[in-house]
Amino acid sequence: MNNENMNIDKINSFQKQQNKEEMKKQIITFVLMIAFTVVAFAVVASGLEAIYAVPLILILAVVQVGFQFYYFMHMKDEGHEVPAALIYGGIWVAILVALTMATIIWW
C-alpha cells in the first residue's frame, strides 16, 4: 500500500510540474501578444509611412494568430488534429480567395 501511495505522489508531482510549465508558457505567450499589440499601436501612432506600417502590422497580426491557435486554442495538444486541420484548411482557403481577388482586381 505504501508503494502505491509513493507512485501516486510521483504522478501528482509530475502533473503539477507539467501544469506549472504550461502556465508559464501561457503567461509568456500572453505577455508577447500584449507586446505585439503595443508595438502595432506604436507603429500607427508614430506616423510611419503606410508602405512600411501595413506589412509590419500584418506580420505582427499573423504571429499573434499563430500564438492564439497554438497556445490558447490548445492546437498543440493531442486529440486536436481534426479541429487543427479544419482551421488550417480555412486559413488556406482564405489565402487563396485573397490571392484570387487581388489577381482579379489588379490584373
N, C-alpha and C. Protein backbone atom coordinates (compact mmCIF):
# COMPACT_ATOMS: atom_id res chain seq x y z
N MET A 1 0.83 -1.20 0.00
CA MET A 1 0.00 0.00 0.00
C MET A 1 0.87 1.26 0.00
N ASN A 2 1.95 1.21 0.74
CA ASN A 2 2.84 2.36 0.82
C ASN A 2 3.49 2.64 -0.53
N ASN A 3 3.86 1.59 -1.25
CA ASN A 3 4.47 1.73 -2.56
C ASN A 3 3.49 2.38 -3.55
N GLU A 4 2.22 2.00 -3.43
CA GLU A 4 1.19 2.57 -4.30
C GLU A 4 1.02 4.07 -4.03
N ASN A 5 1.06 4.48 -2.77
CA ASN A 5 0.95 5.90 -2.43
C ASN A 5 2.13 6.69 -2.97
N MET A 6 3.32 6.09 -2.94
CA MET A 6 4.51 6.76 -3.47
C MET A 6 4.37 6.98 -4.97
N ASN A 7 3.84 5.98 -5.68
CA ASN A 7 3.64 6.11 -7.12
C ASN A 7 2.62 7.21 -7.44
N ILE A 8 1.55 7.26 -6.67
CA ILE A 8 0.53 8.29 -6.86
C ILE A 8 1.12 9.67 -6.59
N ASP A 9 1.95 9.78 -5.54
CA ASP A 9 2.59 11.06 -5.23
C ASP A 9 3.52 11.49 -6.36
N LYS A 10 4.24 10.53 -6.95
CA LYS A 10 5.13 10.85 -8.07
C LYS A 10 4.33 11.34 -9.28
N ILE A 11 3.21 10.67 -9.54
CA ILE A 11 2.36 11.08 -10.66
C ILE A 11 1.79 12.47 -10.41
N ASN A 12 1.31 12.72 -9.19
CA ASN A 12 0.77 14.04 -8.85
C ASN A 12 1.84 15.11 -8.95
N SER A 13 3.04 14.80 -8.48
CA SER A 13 4.14 15.75 -8.56
C SER A 13 4.49 16.07 -10.01
N PHE A 14 4.53 15.02 -10.85
CA PHE A 14 4.81 15.21 -12.27
C PHE A 14 3.73 16.06 -12.92
N GLN A 15 2.47 15.78 -12.61
CA GLN A 15 1.35 16.55 -13.19
C GLN A 15 1.40 18.01 -12.75
N LYS A 16 1.73 18.25 -11.49
CA LYS A 16 1.85 19.63 -11.01
C LYS A 16 2.97 20.37 -11.74
N GLN A 17 4.09 19.68 -11.96
CA GLN A 17 5.20 20.29 -12.68
C GLN A 17 4.80 20.60 -14.12
N GLN A 18 4.08 19.69 -14.76
CA GLN A 18 3.61 19.92 -16.13
C GLN A 18 2.66 21.11 -16.18
N ASN A 19 1.73 21.18 -15.23
CA ASN A 19 0.79 22.30 -15.18
C ASN A 19 1.51 23.63 -14.96
N LYS A 20 2.53 23.61 -14.10
CA LYS A 20 3.30 24.82 -13.83
C LYS A 20 4.03 25.29 -15.08
N GLU A 21 4.63 24.37 -15.82
CA GLU A 21 5.33 24.73 -17.05
C GLU A 21 4.36 25.23 -18.11
N GLU A 22 3.20 24.60 -18.20
CA GLU A 22 2.18 25.04 -19.17
C GLU A 22 1.70 26.45 -18.85
N MET A 23 1.47 26.73 -17.59
CA MET A 23 1.02 28.06 -17.17
C MET A 23 2.10 29.09 -17.47
N LYS A 24 3.35 28.74 -17.24
CA LYS A 24 4.47 29.65 -17.54
C LYS A 24 4.50 29.98 -19.03
N LYS A 25 4.33 28.98 -19.88
CA LYS A 25 4.32 29.20 -21.33
C LYS A 25 3.15 30.08 -21.73
N GLN A 26 1.99 29.86 -21.14
CA GLN A 26 0.82 30.67 -21.49
C GLN A 26 0.99 32.12 -21.06
N ILE A 27 1.59 32.34 -19.91
CA ILE A 27 1.81 33.71 -19.44
C ILE A 27 2.82 34.42 -20.34
N ILE A 28 3.90 33.72 -20.70
CA ILE A 28 4.88 34.32 -21.60
C ILE A 28 4.24 34.66 -22.94
N THR A 29 3.42 33.75 -23.46
CA THR A 29 2.74 33.99 -24.72
C THR A 29 1.79 35.18 -24.62
N PHE A 30 1.05 35.26 -23.53
CA PHE A 30 0.13 36.38 -23.33
C PHE A 30 0.89 37.70 -23.29
N VAL A 31 2.01 37.74 -22.58
CA VAL A 31 2.81 38.96 -22.49
C VAL A 31 3.34 39.33 -23.89
N LEU A 32 3.78 38.34 -24.66
CA LEU A 32 4.25 38.62 -26.02
C LEU A 32 3.14 39.19 -26.89
N MET A 33 1.94 38.65 -26.76
CA MET A 33 0.82 39.17 -27.55
C MET A 33 0.48 40.60 -27.16
N ILE A 34 0.53 40.91 -25.89
CA ILE A 34 0.32 42.29 -25.44
C ILE A 34 1.41 43.19 -26.02
N ALA A 35 2.66 42.71 -26.00
CA ALA A 35 3.77 43.49 -26.54
C ALA A 35 3.59 43.74 -28.04
N PHE A 36 3.14 42.71 -28.78
CA PHE A 36 2.90 42.89 -30.21
C PHE A 36 1.80 43.92 -30.45
N THR A 37 0.79 43.91 -29.62
CA THR A 37 -0.29 44.89 -29.75
C THR A 37 0.22 46.30 -29.48
N VAL A 38 1.04 46.44 -28.44
CA VAL A 38 1.62 47.76 -28.12
C VAL A 38 2.50 48.24 -29.27
N VAL A 39 3.29 47.33 -29.84
CA VAL A 39 4.15 47.70 -30.98
C VAL A 39 3.28 48.16 -32.16
N ALA A 40 2.19 47.44 -32.43
CA ALA A 40 1.31 47.82 -33.53
C ALA A 40 0.72 49.21 -33.30
N PHE A 41 0.27 49.48 -32.08
CA PHE A 41 -0.26 50.81 -31.78
C PHE A 41 0.84 51.87 -31.90
N ALA A 42 2.04 51.54 -31.46
CA ALA A 42 3.15 52.50 -31.54
C ALA A 42 3.50 52.80 -33.01
N VAL A 43 3.45 51.78 -33.86
CA VAL A 43 3.73 51.99 -35.28
C VAL A 43 2.70 52.94 -35.88
N VAL A 44 1.44 52.75 -35.55
CA VAL A 44 0.39 53.63 -36.07
C VAL A 44 0.53 55.04 -35.50
N ALA A 45 0.81 55.12 -34.20
CA ALA A 45 0.93 56.43 -33.56
C ALA A 45 2.16 57.20 -34.01
N SER A 46 3.19 56.49 -34.45
CA SER A 46 4.43 57.15 -34.85
C SER A 46 4.31 57.86 -36.18
N GLY A 47 3.29 57.55 -36.94
CA GLY A 47 3.11 58.19 -38.23
C GLY A 47 4.00 57.60 -39.31
N LEU A 48 4.44 56.38 -39.10
CA LEU A 48 5.26 55.69 -40.09
C LEU A 48 4.48 55.57 -41.40
N GLU A 49 5.19 55.67 -42.50
CA GLU A 49 4.52 55.60 -43.80
C GLU A 49 3.78 54.27 -43.93
N ALA A 50 2.65 54.33 -44.61
CA ALA A 50 1.78 53.15 -44.74
C ALA A 50 2.49 51.99 -45.44
N ILE A 51 3.39 52.30 -46.34
CA ILE A 51 4.07 51.23 -47.08
C ILE A 51 4.93 50.37 -46.14
N TYR A 52 5.37 50.95 -45.02
CA TYR A 52 6.14 50.20 -44.03
C TYR A 52 5.26 49.70 -42.89
N ALA A 53 4.29 50.51 -42.51
CA ALA A 53 3.47 50.19 -41.35
C ALA A 53 2.54 49.00 -41.59
N VAL A 54 1.89 48.98 -42.75
CA VAL A 54 0.91 47.92 -43.03
C VAL A 54 1.54 46.53 -43.03
N PRO A 55 2.67 46.30 -43.74
CA PRO A 55 3.26 44.96 -43.68
C PRO A 55 3.72 44.57 -42.28
N LEU A 56 4.28 45.53 -41.53
CA LEU A 56 4.71 45.23 -40.16
C LEU A 56 3.54 44.82 -39.29
N ILE A 57 2.45 45.56 -39.39
CA ILE A 57 1.26 45.25 -38.59
C ILE A 57 0.67 43.90 -39.01
N LEU A 58 0.67 43.61 -40.30
CA LEU A 58 0.17 42.32 -40.76
C LEU A 58 1.03 41.16 -40.27
N ILE A 59 2.33 41.35 -40.26
CA ILE A 59 3.22 40.30 -39.74
C ILE A 59 2.96 40.07 -38.26
N LEU A 60 2.84 41.15 -37.49
CA LEU A 60 2.53 41.02 -36.07
C LEU A 60 1.19 40.32 -35.85
N ALA A 61 0.21 40.62 -36.70
CA ALA A 61 -1.11 40.00 -36.57
C ALA A 61 -1.03 38.51 -36.86
N VAL A 62 -0.28 38.12 -37.88
CA VAL A 62 -0.16 36.69 -38.21
C VAL A 62 0.53 35.94 -37.07
N VAL A 63 1.56 36.54 -36.49
CA VAL A 63 2.25 35.90 -35.36
C VAL A 63 1.30 35.76 -34.17
N GLN A 64 0.51 36.80 -33.92
CA GLN A 64 -0.46 36.73 -32.82
C GLN A 64 -1.50 35.64 -33.05
N VAL A 65 -1.99 35.52 -34.26
CA VAL A 65 -2.97 34.47 -34.57
C VAL A 65 -2.34 33.09 -34.35
N GLY A 66 -1.08 32.94 -34.75
CA GLY A 66 -0.39 31.68 -34.51
C GLY A 66 -0.30 31.35 -33.04
N PHE A 67 0.06 32.35 -32.22
CA PHE A 67 0.10 32.14 -30.77
C PHE A 67 -1.28 31.76 -30.23
N GLN A 68 -2.31 32.45 -30.71
CA GLN A 68 -3.67 32.15 -30.25
C GLN A 68 -4.04 30.70 -30.55
N PHE A 69 -3.80 30.29 -31.78
CA PHE A 69 -4.13 28.91 -32.15
C PHE A 69 -3.32 27.91 -31.34
N TYR A 70 -2.02 28.13 -31.29
CA TYR A 70 -1.13 27.12 -30.72
C TYR A 70 -1.30 26.99 -29.21
N TYR A 71 -1.36 28.11 -28.51
CA TYR A 71 -1.39 28.04 -27.05
C TYR A 71 -2.79 28.12 -26.47
N PHE A 72 -3.58 29.11 -26.89
CA PHE A 72 -4.84 29.34 -26.21
C PHE A 72 -5.99 28.52 -26.77
N MET A 73 -5.85 28.00 -27.98
CA MET A 73 -6.87 27.10 -28.51
C MET A 73 -6.39 25.64 -28.43
N HIS A 74 -5.25 25.44 -27.79
CA HIS A 74 -4.70 24.10 -27.49
C HIS A 74 -4.47 23.25 -28.74
N MET A 75 -4.07 23.87 -29.83
CA MET A 75 -3.80 23.11 -31.04
C MET A 75 -2.55 22.25 -30.91
N LYS A 76 -1.72 22.53 -29.90
CA LYS A 76 -0.52 21.75 -29.70
C LYS A 76 -0.80 20.44 -28.95
N ASP A 77 -1.95 20.34 -28.34
CA ASP A 77 -2.28 19.15 -27.55
C ASP A 77 -2.73 18.00 -28.43
N GLU A 78 -2.56 16.80 -27.91
CA GLU A 78 -3.02 15.62 -28.64
C GLU A 78 -4.55 15.59 -28.69
N GLY A 79 -5.08 15.02 -29.75
CA GLY A 79 -6.52 14.90 -29.89
C GLY A 79 -7.19 16.10 -30.56
N HIS A 80 -6.39 17.06 -31.01
CA HIS A 80 -6.95 18.24 -31.67
C HIS A 80 -6.58 18.28 -33.15
N GLU A 81 -6.33 17.13 -33.72
CA GLU A 81 -5.90 17.08 -35.12
C GLU A 81 -6.99 17.54 -36.08
N VAL A 82 -8.23 17.09 -35.86
CA VAL A 82 -9.32 17.44 -36.77
C VAL A 82 -9.63 18.94 -36.70
N PRO A 83 -9.82 19.53 -35.52
CA PRO A 83 -10.04 20.97 -35.50
C PRO A 83 -8.86 21.75 -36.09
N ALA A 84 -7.64 21.29 -35.83
CA ALA A 84 -6.47 21.96 -36.39
C ALA A 84 -6.48 21.88 -37.91
N ALA A 85 -6.81 20.72 -38.45
CA ALA A 85 -6.87 20.56 -39.91
C ALA A 85 -7.94 21.48 -40.51
N LEU A 86 -9.08 21.58 -39.85
CA LEU A 86 -10.15 22.45 -40.34
C LEU A 86 -9.74 23.92 -40.30
N ILE A 87 -9.11 24.32 -39.21
CA ILE A 87 -8.68 25.72 -39.09
C ILE A 87 -7.62 26.04 -40.14
N TYR A 88 -6.62 25.17 -40.25
CA TYR A 88 -5.55 25.42 -41.23
C TYR A 88 -6.10 25.35 -42.66
N GLY A 89 -7.06 24.48 -42.90
CA GLY A 89 -7.71 24.43 -44.21
C GLY A 89 -8.46 25.71 -44.49
N GLY A 90 -9.14 26.25 -43.49
CA GLY A 90 -9.84 27.52 -43.64
C GLY A 90 -8.89 28.67 -43.91
N ILE A 91 -7.75 28.66 -43.24
CA ILE A 91 -6.74 29.69 -43.50
C ILE A 91 -6.24 29.59 -44.93
N TRP A 92 -6.00 28.36 -45.39
CA TRP A 92 -5.54 28.15 -46.76
C TRP A 92 -6.57 28.66 -47.76
N VAL A 93 -7.83 28.36 -47.53
CA VAL A 93 -8.90 28.84 -48.43
C VAL A 93 -8.96 30.37 -48.42
N ALA A 94 -8.83 30.97 -47.24
CA ALA A 94 -8.86 32.43 -47.16
C ALA A 94 -7.70 33.05 -47.93
N ILE A 95 -6.52 32.44 -47.85
CA ILE A 95 -5.37 32.95 -48.61
C ILE A 95 -5.63 32.83 -50.10
N LEU A 96 -6.16 31.69 -50.52
CA LEU A 96 -6.45 31.50 -51.94
C LEU A 96 -7.49 32.50 -52.44
N VAL A 97 -8.52 32.75 -51.65
CA VAL A 97 -9.55 33.72 -52.05
C VAL A 97 -8.95 35.12 -52.12
N ALA A 98 -8.12 35.49 -51.15
CA ALA A 98 -7.50 36.81 -51.17
C ALA A 98 -6.60 36.97 -52.40
N LEU A 99 -5.82 35.94 -52.71
CA LEU A 99 -4.96 36.00 -53.90
C LEU A 99 -5.78 36.07 -55.18
N THR A 100 -6.87 35.32 -55.22
CA THR A 100 -7.74 35.36 -56.40
C THR A 100 -8.35 36.74 -56.59
N MET A 101 -8.86 37.31 -55.52
CA MET A 101 -9.45 38.64 -55.61
C MET A 101 -8.41 39.69 -56.00
N ALA A 102 -7.22 39.58 -55.43
CA ALA A 102 -6.16 40.52 -55.78
C ALA A 102 -5.80 40.39 -57.25
N THR A 103 -5.76 39.16 -57.75
CA THR A 103 -5.45 38.94 -59.16
C THR A 103 -6.54 39.51 -60.06
N ILE A 104 -7.79 39.29 -59.68
CA ILE A 104 -8.91 39.80 -60.49
C ILE A 104 -8.90 41.33 -60.50
N ILE A 105 -8.65 41.92 -59.36
CA ILE A 105 -8.72 43.39 -59.26
C ILE A 105 -7.55 44.05 -59.96
N TRP A 106 -6.33 43.55 -59.77
CA TRP A 106 -5.16 44.26 -60.28
C TRP A 106 -4.60 43.72 -61.59
N TRP A 107 -5.16 42.71 -62.15
CA TRP A 107 -4.59 42.18 -63.39
C TRP A 107 -5.29 42.76 -64.57
